[in-house]
mmCIF file of all heavy atoms, coordinates in Angstrom:
data_MODEL
# 
_entry.id   MODEL 
# 
loop_
_atom_site.group_PDB 
_atom_site.id 
_atom_site.type_symbol 
_atom_site.label_atom_id 
_atom_site.label_alt_id 
_atom_site.label_comp_id 
_atom_site.label_asym_id 
_atom_site.label_entity_id 
_atom_site.label_seq_id 
_atom_site.pdbx_PDB_ins_code 
_atom_site.Cartn_x 
_atom_site.Cartn_y 
_atom_site.Cartn_z 
_atom_site.occupancy 
_atom_site.B_iso_or_equiv 
_atom_site.pdbx_formal_charge 
_atom_site.auth_seq_id 
_atom_site.auth_comp_id 
_atom_site.auth_asym_id 
_atom_site.auth_atom_id 
_atom_site.pdbx_PDB_model_num 
ATOM 1   N N   . ASN A 1 1  ? -2.282  13.667  15.221 1.00 0.00 ? 1  ASN A N   1 
ATOM 2   C CA  . ASN A 1 1  ? -3.589  14.024  15.757 1.00 0.00 ? 1  ASN A CA  1 
ATOM 3   C C   . ASN A 1 1  ? -3.997  15.453  15.406 1.00 0.00 ? 1  ASN A C   1 
ATOM 4   O O   . ASN A 1 1  ? -5.182  15.735  15.210 1.00 0.00 ? 1  ASN A O   1 
ATOM 5   C CB  . ASN A 1 1  ? -3.601  13.843  17.277 1.00 0.00 ? 1  ASN A CB  1 
ATOM 6   C CG  . ASN A 1 1  ? -3.543  12.394  17.691 1.00 0.00 ? 1  ASN A CG  1 
ATOM 7   O OD1 . ASN A 1 1  ? -4.036  11.514  16.987 1.00 0.00 ? 1  ASN A OD1 1 
ATOM 8   N ND2 . ASN A 1 1  ? -2.951  12.130  18.851 1.00 0.00 ? 1  ASN A ND2 1 
ATOM 9   N N   . ALA A 1 2  ? -3.033  16.353  15.326 1.00 0.00 ? 2  ALA A N   1 
ATOM 10  C CA  . ALA A 1 2  ? -3.342  17.736  15.001 1.00 0.00 ? 2  ALA A CA  1 
ATOM 11  C C   . ALA A 1 2  ? -3.912  17.870  13.596 1.00 0.00 ? 2  ALA A C   1 
ATOM 12  O O   . ALA A 1 2  ? -4.714  18.762  13.328 1.00 0.00 ? 2  ALA A O   1 
ATOM 13  C CB  . ALA A 1 2  ? -2.100  18.614  15.153 1.00 0.00 ? 2  ALA A CB  1 
ATOM 14  N N   . LYS A 1 3  ? -3.499  16.990  12.699 1.00 0.00 ? 3  LYS A N   1 
ATOM 15  C CA  . LYS A 1 3  ? -3.966  17.028  11.317 1.00 0.00 ? 3  LYS A CA  1 
ATOM 16  C C   . LYS A 1 3  ? -5.044  15.988  11.024 1.00 0.00 ? 3  LYS A C   1 
ATOM 17  O O   . LYS A 1 3  ? -5.504  15.899  9.886  1.00 0.00 ? 3  LYS A O   1 
ATOM 18  C CB  . LYS A 1 3  ? -2.797  16.821  10.364 1.00 0.00 ? 3  LYS A CB  1 
ATOM 19  C CG  . LYS A 1 3  ? -1.740  17.907  10.428 1.00 0.00 ? 3  LYS A CG  1 
ATOM 20  C CD  . LYS A 1 3  ? -0.623  17.644  9.432  1.00 0.00 ? 3  LYS A CD  1 
ATOM 21  C CE  . LYS A 1 3  ? 0.420   18.739  9.469  1.00 0.00 ? 3  LYS A CE  1 
ATOM 22  N NZ  . LYS A 1 3  ? 1.523   18.492  8.505  1.00 0.00 ? 3  LYS A NZ  1 
ATOM 23  N N   . ASN A 1 4  ? -5.421  15.207  12.042 1.00 0.00 ? 4  ASN A N   1 
ATOM 24  C CA  . ASN A 1 4  ? -6.406  14.137  11.862 1.00 0.00 ? 4  ASN A CA  1 
ATOM 25  C C   . ASN A 1 4  ? -6.026  13.220  10.702 1.00 0.00 ? 4  ASN A C   1 
ATOM 26  O O   . ASN A 1 4  ? -6.859  12.865  9.869  1.00 0.00 ? 4  ASN A O   1 
ATOM 27  C CB  . ASN A 1 4  ? -7.802  14.723  11.651 1.00 0.00 ? 4  ASN A CB  1 
ATOM 28  C CG  . ASN A 1 4  ? -8.266  15.556  12.821 1.00 0.00 ? 4  ASN A CG  1 
ATOM 29  O OD1 . ASN A 1 4  ? -8.140  15.145  13.976 1.00 0.00 ? 4  ASN A OD1 1 
ATOM 30  N ND2 . ASN A 1 4  ? -8.800  16.735  12.531 1.00 0.00 ? 4  ASN A ND2 1 
ATOM 31  N N   . THR A 1 5  ? -4.775  12.842  10.677 1.00 0.00 ? 5  THR A N   1 
ATOM 32  C CA  . THR A 1 5  ? -4.225  12.093  9.559  1.00 0.00 ? 5  THR A CA  1 
ATOM 33  C C   . THR A 1 5  ? -3.446  10.884  10.059 1.00 0.00 ? 5  THR A C   1 
ATOM 34  O O   . THR A 1 5  ? -2.719  10.973  11.051 1.00 0.00 ? 5  THR A O   1 
ATOM 35  C CB  . THR A 1 5  ? -3.308  12.987  8.706  1.00 0.00 ? 5  THR A CB  1 
ATOM 36  O OG1 . THR A 1 5  ? -4.062  14.088  8.191  1.00 0.00 ? 5  THR A OG1 1 
ATOM 37  C CG2 . THR A 1 5  ? -2.715  12.211  7.546  1.00 0.00 ? 5  THR A CG2 1 
ATOM 38  N N   . VAL A 1 6  ? -3.603  9.771   9.369  1.00 0.00 ? 6  VAL A N   1 
ATOM 39  C CA  . VAL A 1 6  ? -2.831  8.570   9.639  1.00 0.00 ? 6  VAL A CA  1 
ATOM 40  C C   . VAL A 1 6  ? -1.966  8.272   8.416  1.00 0.00 ? 6  VAL A C   1 
ATOM 41  O O   . VAL A 1 6  ? -2.383  8.517   7.280  1.00 0.00 ? 6  VAL A O   1 
ATOM 42  C CB  . VAL A 1 6  ? -3.744  7.376   9.999  1.00 0.00 ? 6  VAL A CB  1 
ATOM 43  C CG1 . VAL A 1 6  ? -4.633  6.987   8.822  1.00 0.00 ? 6  VAL A CG1 1 
ATOM 44  C CG2 . VAL A 1 6  ? -2.923  6.192   10.477 1.00 0.00 ? 6  VAL A CG2 1 
ATOM 45  N N   . TYR A 1 7  ? -0.769  7.765   8.658  1.00 0.00 ? 7  TYR A N   1 
ATOM 46  C CA  . TYR A 1 7  ? 0.188   7.500   7.599  1.00 0.00 ? 7  TYR A CA  1 
ATOM 47  C C   . TYR A 1 7  ? 0.574   6.034   7.581  1.00 0.00 ? 7  TYR A C   1 
ATOM 48  O O   . TYR A 1 7  ? 0.516   5.333   8.587  1.00 0.00 ? 7  TYR A O   1 
ATOM 49  C CB  . TYR A 1 7  ? 1.455   8.340   7.791  1.00 0.00 ? 7  TYR A CB  1 
ATOM 50  C CG  . TYR A 1 7  ? 1.208   9.824   7.880  1.00 0.00 ? 7  TYR A CG  1 
ATOM 51  C CD1 . TYR A 1 7  ? 1.073   10.453  9.110  1.00 0.00 ? 7  TYR A CD1 1 
ATOM 52  C CD2 . TYR A 1 7  ? 1.111   10.599  6.729  1.00 0.00 ? 7  TYR A CD2 1 
ATOM 53  C CE1 . TYR A 1 7  ? 0.852   11.811  9.199  1.00 0.00 ? 7  TYR A CE1 1 
ATOM 54  C CE2 . TYR A 1 7  ? 0.889   11.960  6.810  1.00 0.00 ? 7  TYR A CE2 1 
ATOM 55  C CZ  . TYR A 1 7  ? 0.759   12.564  8.045  1.00 0.00 ? 7  TYR A CZ  1 
ATOM 56  O OH  . TYR A 1 7  ? 0.537   13.922  8.118  1.00 0.00 ? 7  TYR A OH  1 
ATOM 57  N N   . LEU A 1 8  ? 0.996   5.586   6.420  1.00 0.00 ? 8  LEU A N   1 
ATOM 58  C CA  . LEU A 1 8  ? 1.574   4.258   6.275  1.00 0.00 ? 8  LEU A CA  1 
ATOM 59  C C   . LEU A 1 8  ? 2.869   4.394   5.491  1.00 0.00 ? 8  LEU A C   1 
ATOM 60  O O   . LEU A 1 8  ? 2.841   4.662   4.287  1.00 0.00 ? 8  LEU A O   1 
ATOM 61  C CB  . LEU A 1 8  ? 0.612   3.305   5.562  1.00 0.00 ? 8  LEU A CB  1 
ATOM 62  C CG  . LEU A 1 8  ? 1.101   1.861   5.432  1.00 0.00 ? 8  LEU A CG  1 
ATOM 63  C CD1 . LEU A 1 8  ? 1.132   1.185   6.805  1.00 0.00 ? 8  LEU A CD1 1 
ATOM 64  C CD2 . LEU A 1 8  ? 0.219   1.073   4.470  1.00 0.00 ? 8  LEU A CD2 1 
ATOM 65  N N   . GLN A 1 9  ? 3.986   4.233   6.187  1.00 0.00 ? 9  GLN A N   1 
ATOM 66  C CA  . GLN A 1 9  ? 5.293   4.240   5.544  1.00 0.00 ? 9  GLN A CA  1 
ATOM 67  C C   . GLN A 1 9  ? 5.606   2.827   5.079  1.00 0.00 ? 9  GLN A C   1 
ATOM 68  O O   . GLN A 1 9  ? 5.674   1.906   5.887  1.00 0.00 ? 9  GLN A O   1 
ATOM 69  C CB  . GLN A 1 9  ? 6.366   4.727   6.516  1.00 0.00 ? 9  GLN A CB  1 
ATOM 70  C CG  . GLN A 1 9  ? 7.773   4.735   5.942  1.00 0.00 ? 9  GLN A CG  1 
ATOM 71  C CD  . GLN A 1 9  ? 7.953   5.748   4.843  1.00 0.00 ? 9  GLN A CD  1 
ATOM 72  O OE1 . GLN A 1 9  ? 7.463   6.879   4.952  1.00 0.00 ? 9  GLN A OE1 1 
ATOM 73  N NE2 . GLN A 1 9  ? 8.643   5.362   3.779  1.00 0.00 ? 9  GLN A NE2 1 
ATOM 74  N N   . MET A 1 10 ? 5.784   2.660   3.783  1.00 0.00 ? 10 MET A N   1 
ATOM 75  C CA  . MET A 1 10 ? 6.015   1.353   3.187  1.00 0.00 ? 10 MET A CA  1 
ATOM 76  C C   . MET A 1 10 ? 7.426   1.311   2.613  1.00 0.00 ? 10 MET A C   1 
ATOM 77  O O   . MET A 1 10 ? 7.737   2.041   1.672  1.00 0.00 ? 10 MET A O   1 
ATOM 78  C CB  . MET A 1 10 ? 4.981   1.058   2.100  1.00 0.00 ? 10 MET A CB  1 
ATOM 79  C CG  . MET A 1 10 ? 3.535   1.167   2.569  1.00 0.00 ? 10 MET A CG  1 
ATOM 80  S SD  . MET A 1 10 ? 2.344   0.664   1.296  1.00 0.00 ? 10 MET A SD  1 
ATOM 81  C CE  . MET A 1 10 ? 2.618   1.961   0.084  1.00 0.00 ? 10 MET A CE  1 
ATOM 82  N N   . ASN A 1 11 ? 8.263   0.470   3.182  1.00 0.00 ? 11 ASN A N   1 
ATOM 83  C CA  . ASN A 1 11 ? 9.635   0.303   2.731  1.00 0.00 ? 11 ASN A CA  1 
ATOM 84  C C   . ASN A 1 11 ? 9.830   -1.077  2.122  1.00 0.00 ? 11 ASN A C   1 
ATOM 85  O O   . ASN A 1 11 ? 9.076   -2.008  2.396  1.00 0.00 ? 11 ASN A O   1 
ATOM 86  C CB  . ASN A 1 11 ? 10.612  0.498   3.895  1.00 0.00 ? 11 ASN A CB  1 
ATOM 87  C CG  . ASN A 1 11 ? 10.562  1.885   4.490  1.00 0.00 ? 11 ASN A CG  1 
ATOM 88  O OD1 . ASN A 1 11 ? 10.319  2.871   3.788  1.00 0.00 ? 11 ASN A OD1 1 
ATOM 89  N ND2 . ASN A 1 11 ? 10.808  1.976   5.792  1.00 0.00 ? 11 ASN A ND2 1 
ATOM 90  N N   . SER A 1 12 ? 10.872  -1.199  1.309  1.00 0.00 ? 12 SER A N   1 
ATOM 91  C CA  . SER A 1 12 ? 11.225  -2.479  0.691  1.00 0.00 ? 12 SER A CA  1 
ATOM 92  C C   . SER A 1 12 ? 10.025  -3.128  0.019  1.00 0.00 ? 12 SER A C   1 
ATOM 93  O O   . SER A 1 12 ? 9.722   -4.303  0.229  1.00 0.00 ? 12 SER A O   1 
ATOM 94  C CB  . SER A 1 12 ? 11.828  -3.421  1.738  1.00 0.00 ? 12 SER A CB  1 
ATOM 95  O OG  . SER A 1 12 ? 12.971  -2.852  2.343  1.00 0.00 ? 12 SER A OG  1 
ATOM 96  N N   . LEU A 1 13 ? 9.345   -2.367  -0.800 1.00 0.00 ? 13 LEU A N   1 
ATOM 97  C CA  . LEU A 1 13 ? 8.129   -2.857  -1.441 1.00 0.00 ? 13 LEU A CA  1 
ATOM 98  C C   . LEU A 1 13 ? 8.425   -4.047  -2.349 1.00 0.00 ? 13 LEU A C   1 
ATOM 99  O O   . LEU A 1 13 ? 9.458   -4.104  -3.021 1.00 0.00 ? 13 LEU A O   1 
ATOM 100 C CB  . LEU A 1 13 ? 7.462   -1.743  -2.233 1.00 0.00 ? 13 LEU A CB  1 
ATOM 101 C CG  . LEU A 1 13 ? 6.672   -0.742  -1.390 1.00 0.00 ? 13 LEU A CG  1 
ATOM 102 C CD1 . LEU A 1 13 ? 6.372   0.511   -2.189 1.00 0.00 ? 13 LEU A CD1 1 
ATOM 103 C CD2 . LEU A 1 13 ? 5.380   -1.380  -0.890 1.00 0.00 ? 13 LEU A CD2 1 
ATOM 104 N N   . LYS A 1 14 ? 7.494   -4.983  -2.348 1.00 0.00 ? 14 LYS A N   1 
ATOM 105 C CA  . LYS A 1 14 ? 7.584   -6.200  -3.134 1.00 0.00 ? 14 LYS A CA  1 
ATOM 106 C C   . LYS A 1 14 ? 6.411   -6.278  -4.098 1.00 0.00 ? 14 LYS A C   1 
ATOM 107 O O   . LYS A 1 14 ? 5.370   -5.670  -3.851 1.00 0.00 ? 14 LYS A O   1 
ATOM 108 C CB  . LYS A 1 14 ? 7.570   -7.434  -2.224 1.00 0.00 ? 14 LYS A CB  1 
ATOM 109 C CG  . LYS A 1 14 ? 8.641   -7.448  -1.151 1.00 0.00 ? 14 LYS A CG  1 
ATOM 110 C CD  . LYS A 1 14 ? 8.452   -8.638  -0.223 1.00 0.00 ? 14 LYS A CD  1 
ATOM 111 C CE  . LYS A 1 14 ? 9.499   -8.669  0.866  1.00 0.00 ? 14 LYS A CE  1 
ATOM 112 N NZ  . LYS A 1 14 ? 9.303   -9.824  1.784  1.00 0.00 ? 14 LYS A NZ  1 
ATOM 113 N N   . PRO A 1 15 ? 6.554   -7.035  -5.184 1.00 0.00 ? 15 PRO A N   1 
ATOM 114 C CA  . PRO A 1 15 ? 5.413   -7.187  -6.096 1.00 0.00 ? 15 PRO A CA  1 
ATOM 115 C C   . PRO A 1 15 ? 4.153   -7.691  -5.410 1.00 0.00 ? 15 PRO A C   1 
ATOM 116 O O   . PRO A 1 15 ? 3.044   -7.302  -5.798 1.00 0.00 ? 15 PRO A O   1 
ATOM 117 C CB  . PRO A 1 15 ? 5.927   -8.201  -7.128 1.00 0.00 ? 15 PRO A CB  1 
ATOM 118 C CG  . PRO A 1 15 ? 7.395   -7.969  -7.155 1.00 0.00 ? 15 PRO A CG  1 
ATOM 119 C CD  . PRO A 1 15 ? 7.768   -7.657  -5.727 1.00 0.00 ? 15 PRO A CD  1 
ATOM 120 N N   . GLU A 1 16 ? 4.294   -8.532  -4.388 1.00 0.00 ? 16 GLU A N   1 
ATOM 121 C CA  . GLU A 1 16 ? 3.130   -9.041  -3.682 1.00 0.00 ? 16 GLU A CA  1 
ATOM 122 C C   . GLU A 1 16 ? 2.429   -7.992  -2.834 1.00 0.00 ? 16 GLU A C   1 
ATOM 123 O O   . GLU A 1 16 ? 1.361   -8.254  -2.281 1.00 0.00 ? 16 GLU A O   1 
ATOM 124 C CB  . GLU A 1 16 ? 3.501   -10.255 -2.815 1.00 0.00 ? 16 GLU A CB  1 
ATOM 125 C CG  . GLU A 1 16 ? 4.678   -10.014 -1.894 1.00 0.00 ? 16 GLU A CG  1 
ATOM 126 C CD  . GLU A 1 16 ? 5.975   -10.556 -2.458 1.00 0.00 ? 16 GLU A CD  1 
ATOM 127 O OE1 . GLU A 1 16 ? 6.229   -10.360 -3.661 1.00 0.00 ? 16 GLU A OE1 1 
ATOM 128 O OE2 . GLU A 1 16 ? 6.737   -11.187 -1.690 1.00 0.00 ? 16 GLU A OE2 1 
ATOM 129 N N   . ASP A 1 17 ? 3.014   -6.804  -2.710 1.00 0.00 ? 17 ASP A N   1 
ATOM 130 C CA  . ASP A 1 17 ? 2.346   -5.694  -2.038 1.00 0.00 ? 17 ASP A CA  1 
ATOM 131 C C   . ASP A 1 17 ? 1.356   -4.983  -2.955 1.00 0.00 ? 17 ASP A C   1 
ATOM 132 O O   . ASP A 1 17 ? 0.628   -4.095  -2.495 1.00 0.00 ? 17 ASP A O   1 
ATOM 133 C CB  . ASP A 1 17 ? 3.363   -4.680  -1.517 1.00 0.00 ? 17 ASP A CB  1 
ATOM 134 C CG  . ASP A 1 17 ? 4.258   -5.248  -0.436 1.00 0.00 ? 17 ASP A CG  1 
ATOM 135 O OD1 . ASP A 1 17 ? 3.748   -5.963  0.452  1.00 0.00 ? 17 ASP A OD1 1 
ATOM 136 O OD2 . ASP A 1 17 ? 5.469   -4.965  -0.465 1.00 0.00 ? 17 ASP A OD2 1 
ATOM 137 N N   . THR A 1 18 ? 1.337   -5.341  -4.215 1.00 0.00 ? 18 THR A N   1 
ATOM 138 C CA  . THR A 1 18 ? 0.430   -4.715  -5.170 1.00 0.00 ? 18 THR A CA  1 
ATOM 139 C C   . THR A 1 18 ? -1.018  -4.947  -4.754 1.00 0.00 ? 18 THR A C   1 
ATOM 140 O O   . THR A 1 18 ? -1.451  -6.089  -4.576 1.00 0.00 ? 18 THR A O   1 
ATOM 141 C CB  . THR A 1 18 ? 0.668   -5.262  -6.581 1.00 0.00 ? 18 THR A CB  1 
ATOM 142 O OG1 . THR A 1 18 ? 1.979   -4.902  -7.017 1.00 0.00 ? 18 THR A OG1 1 
ATOM 143 C CG2 . THR A 1 18 ? -0.355  -4.699  -7.560 1.00 0.00 ? 18 THR A CG2 1 
ATOM 144 N N   . ALA A 1 19 ? -1.763  -3.864  -4.588 1.00 0.00 ? 19 ALA A N   1 
ATOM 145 C CA  . ALA A 1 19 ? -3.142  -3.954  -4.133 1.00 0.00 ? 19 ALA A CA  1 
ATOM 146 C C   . ALA A 1 19 ? -3.746  -2.556  -4.109 1.00 0.00 ? 19 ALA A C   1 
ATOM 147 O O   . ALA A 1 19 ? -3.036  -1.556  -4.256 1.00 0.00 ? 19 ALA A O   1 
ATOM 148 C CB  . ALA A 1 19 ? -3.219  -4.569  -2.738 1.00 0.00 ? 19 ALA A CB  1 
ATOM 149 N N   . VAL A 1 20 ? -5.055  -2.512  -3.920 1.00 0.00 ? 20 VAL A N   1 
ATOM 150 C CA  . VAL A 1 20 ? -5.715  -1.271  -3.567 1.00 0.00 ? 20 VAL A CA  1 
ATOM 151 C C   . VAL A 1 20 ? -5.666  -1.153  -2.052 1.00 0.00 ? 20 VAL A C   1 
ATOM 152 O O   . VAL A 1 20 ? -6.094  -2.062  -1.341 1.00 0.00 ? 20 VAL A O   1 
ATOM 153 C CB  . VAL A 1 20 ? -7.167  -1.221  -4.067 1.00 0.00 ? 20 VAL A CB  1 
ATOM 154 C CG1 . VAL A 1 20 ? -7.841  0.069   -3.615 1.00 0.00 ? 20 VAL A CG1 1 
ATOM 155 C CG2 . VAL A 1 20 ? -7.215  -1.342  -5.582 1.00 0.00 ? 20 VAL A CG2 1 
ATOM 156 N N   . TYR A 1 21 ? -5.149  -0.046  -1.569 1.00 0.00 ? 21 TYR A N   1 
ATOM 157 C CA  . TYR A 1 21 ? -5.012  0.183   -0.137 1.00 0.00 ? 21 TYR A CA  1 
ATOM 158 C C   . TYR A 1 21 ? -6.136  1.095   0.334  1.00 0.00 ? 21 TYR A C   1 
ATOM 159 O O   . TYR A 1 21 ? -6.325  2.192   -0.200 1.00 0.00 ? 21 TYR A O   1 
ATOM 160 C CB  . TYR A 1 21 ? -3.651  0.801   0.181  1.00 0.00 ? 21 TYR A CB  1 
ATOM 161 C CG  . TYR A 1 21 ? -2.526  -0.194  0.118  1.00 0.00 ? 21 TYR A CG  1 
ATOM 162 C CD1 . TYR A 1 21 ? -2.101  -0.717  -1.099 1.00 0.00 ? 21 TYR A CD1 1 
ATOM 163 C CD2 . TYR A 1 21 ? -1.894  -0.639  1.283  1.00 0.00 ? 21 TYR A CD2 1 
ATOM 164 C CE1 . TYR A 1 21 ? -1.088  -1.655  -1.159 1.00 0.00 ? 21 TYR A CE1 1 
ATOM 165 C CE2 . TYR A 1 21 ? -0.877  -1.570  1.230  1.00 0.00 ? 21 TYR A CE2 1 
ATOM 166 C CZ  . TYR A 1 21 ? -0.480  -2.075  0.010  1.00 0.00 ? 21 TYR A CZ  1 
ATOM 167 O OH  . TYR A 1 21 ? 0.531   -3.000  -0.043 1.00 0.00 ? 21 TYR A OH  1 
ATOM 168 N N   . TYR A 1 22 ? -6.866  0.623   1.341  1.00 0.00 ? 22 TYR A N   1 
ATOM 169 C CA  . TYR A 1 22 ? -8.017  1.336   1.869  1.00 0.00 ? 22 TYR A CA  1 
ATOM 170 C C   . TYR A 1 22 ? -7.745  1.833   3.281  1.00 0.00 ? 22 TYR A C   1 
ATOM 171 O O   . TYR A 1 22 ? -7.271  1.071   4.130  1.00 0.00 ? 22 TYR A O   1 
ATOM 172 C CB  . TYR A 1 22 ? -9.251  0.432   1.908  1.00 0.00 ? 22 TYR A CB  1 
ATOM 173 C CG  . TYR A 1 22 ? -9.738  -0.018  0.553  1.00 0.00 ? 22 TYR A CG  1 
ATOM 174 C CD1 . TYR A 1 22 ? -9.322  -1.227  0.014  1.00 0.00 ? 22 TYR A CD1 1 
ATOM 175 C CD2 . TYR A 1 22 ? -10.624 0.764   -0.175 1.00 0.00 ? 22 TYR A CD2 1 
ATOM 176 C CE1 . TYR A 1 22 ? -9.767  -1.647  -1.221 1.00 0.00 ? 22 TYR A CE1 1 
ATOM 177 C CE2 . TYR A 1 22 ? -11.078 0.350   -1.411 1.00 0.00 ? 22 TYR A CE2 1 
ATOM 178 C CZ  . TYR A 1 22 ? -10.646 -0.861  -1.930 1.00 0.00 ? 22 TYR A CZ  1 
ATOM 179 O OH  . TYR A 1 22 ? -11.105 -1.277  -3.159 1.00 0.00 ? 22 TYR A OH  1 
ATOM 180 N N   . CYS A 1 23 ? -8.060  3.076   3.523  1.00 0.00 ? 23 CYS A N   1 
ATOM 181 C CA  . CYS A 1 23 ? -8.019  3.628   4.866  1.00 0.00 ? 23 CYS A CA  1 
ATOM 182 C C   . CYS A 1 23 ? -9.321  3.296   5.582  1.00 0.00 ? 23 CYS A C   1 
ATOM 183 O O   . CYS A 1 23 ? -10.399 3.311   4.980  1.00 0.00 ? 23 CYS A O   1 
ATOM 184 C CB  . CYS A 1 23 ? -7.816  5.141   4.802  1.00 0.00 ? 23 CYS A CB  1 
ATOM 185 S SG  . CYS A 1 23 ? -7.710  5.953   6.407  1.00 0.00 ? 23 CYS A SG  1 
ATOM 186 N N   . ASN A 1 24 ? -9.223  3.003   6.869  1.00 0.00 ? 24 ASN A N   1 
ATOM 187 C CA  . ASN A 1 24 ? -10.365 2.603   7.676  1.00 0.00 ? 24 ASN A CA  1 
ATOM 188 C C   . ASN A 1 24 ? -10.394 3.396   8.972  1.00 0.00 ? 24 ASN A C   1 
ATOM 189 O O   . ASN A 1 24 ? -9.355  3.703   9.551  1.00 0.00 ? 24 ASN A O   1 
ATOM 190 C CB  . ASN A 1 24 ? -10.286 1.097   7.972  1.00 0.00 ? 24 ASN A CB  1 
ATOM 191 C CG  . ASN A 1 24 ? -10.979 0.700   9.257  1.00 0.00 ? 24 ASN A CG  1 
ATOM 192 O OD1 . ASN A 1 24 ? -10.334 0.428   10.264 1.00 0.00 ? 24 ASN A OD1 1 
ATOM 193 N ND2 . ASN A 1 24 ? -12.312 0.671   9.214  1.00 0.00 ? 24 ASN A ND2 1 
ATOM 194 N N   . ALA A 1 25 ? -11.600 3.719   9.411  1.00 0.00 ? 25 ALA A N   1 
ATOM 195 C CA  . ALA A 1 25 ? -11.805 4.310   10.726 1.00 0.00 ? 25 ALA A CA  1 
ATOM 196 C C   . ALA A 1 25 ? -12.937 3.579   11.421 1.00 0.00 ? 25 ALA A C   1 
ATOM 197 O O   . ALA A 1 25 ? -13.998 3.364   10.832 1.00 0.00 ? 25 ALA A O   1 
ATOM 198 C CB  . ALA A 1 25 ? -12.123 5.797   10.620 1.00 0.00 ? 25 ALA A CB  1 
ATOM 199 N N   . ASP A 1 26 ? -12.713 3.186   12.663 1.00 0.00 ? 26 ASP A N   1 
ATOM 200 C CA  . ASP A 1 26 ? -13.720 2.512   13.489 1.00 0.00 ? 26 ASP A CA  1 
ATOM 201 C C   . ASP A 1 26 ? -14.069 3.392   14.675 1.00 0.00 ? 26 ASP A C   1 
ATOM 202 O O   . ASP A 1 26 ? -13.192 4.013   15.271 1.00 0.00 ? 26 ASP A O   1 
ATOM 203 C CB  . ASP A 1 26 ? -13.206 1.169   13.996 1.00 0.00 ? 26 ASP A CB  1 
ATOM 204 C CG  . ASP A 1 26 ? -12.966 0.168   12.893 1.00 0.00 ? 26 ASP A CG  1 
ATOM 205 O OD1 . ASP A 1 26 ? -13.595 0.284   11.832 1.00 0.00 ? 26 ASP A OD1 1 
ATOM 206 O OD2 . ASP A 1 26 ? -12.137 -0.743  13.097 1.00 0.00 ? 26 ASP A OD2 1 
ATOM 207 N N   . LEU A 1 27 ? -15.347 3.404   15.016 1.00 0.00 ? 27 LEU A N   1 
ATOM 208 C CA  . LEU A 1 27 ? -15.753 4.165   16.180 1.00 0.00 ? 27 LEU A CA  1 
ATOM 209 C C   . LEU A 1 27 ? -16.894 3.470   16.898 1.00 0.00 ? 27 LEU A C   1 
ATOM 210 O O   . LEU A 1 27 ? -17.640 2.686   16.303 1.00 0.00 ? 27 LEU A O   1 
ATOM 211 C CB  . LEU A 1 27 ? -16.137 5.604   15.807 1.00 0.00 ? 27 LEU A CB  1 
ATOM 212 C CG  . LEU A 1 27 ? -17.320 5.846   14.865 1.00 0.00 ? 27 LEU A CG  1 
ATOM 213 C CD1 . LEU A 1 27 ? -18.625 5.920   15.648 1.00 0.00 ? 27 LEU A CD1 1 
ATOM 214 C CD2 . LEU A 1 27 ? -17.102 7.131   14.085 1.00 0.00 ? 27 LEU A CD2 1 
ATOM 215 N N   . ILE A 1 28 ? -17.000 3.749   18.191 1.00 0.00 ? 28 ILE A N   1 
ATOM 216 C CA  . ILE A 1 28 ? -18.100 3.262   19.015 1.00 0.00 ? 28 ILE A CA  1 
ATOM 217 C C   . ILE A 1 28 ? -18.813 4.467   19.582 1.00 0.00 ? 28 ILE A C   1 
ATOM 218 O O   . ILE A 1 28 ? -18.198 5.304   20.247 1.00 0.00 ? 28 ILE A O   1 
ATOM 219 C CB  . ILE A 1 28 ? -17.598 2.342   20.144 1.00 0.00 ? 28 ILE A CB  1 
ATOM 220 C CG1 . ILE A 1 28 ? -16.881 1.126   19.562 1.00 0.00 ? 28 ILE A CG1 1 
ATOM 221 C CG2 . ILE A 1 28 ? -18.764 1.894   21.018 1.00 0.00 ? 28 ILE A CG2 1 
ATOM 222 C CD1 . ILE A 1 28 ? -16.236 0.233   20.611 1.00 0.00 ? 28 ILE A CD1 1 
# 
């Protein structure tokens, strides 16, 4: 929260994980 940053730790990657990864933010 201090850095306003979200992370995604990806382990044991597989070929089927191949993709464009998009960050999303939702607000009301």
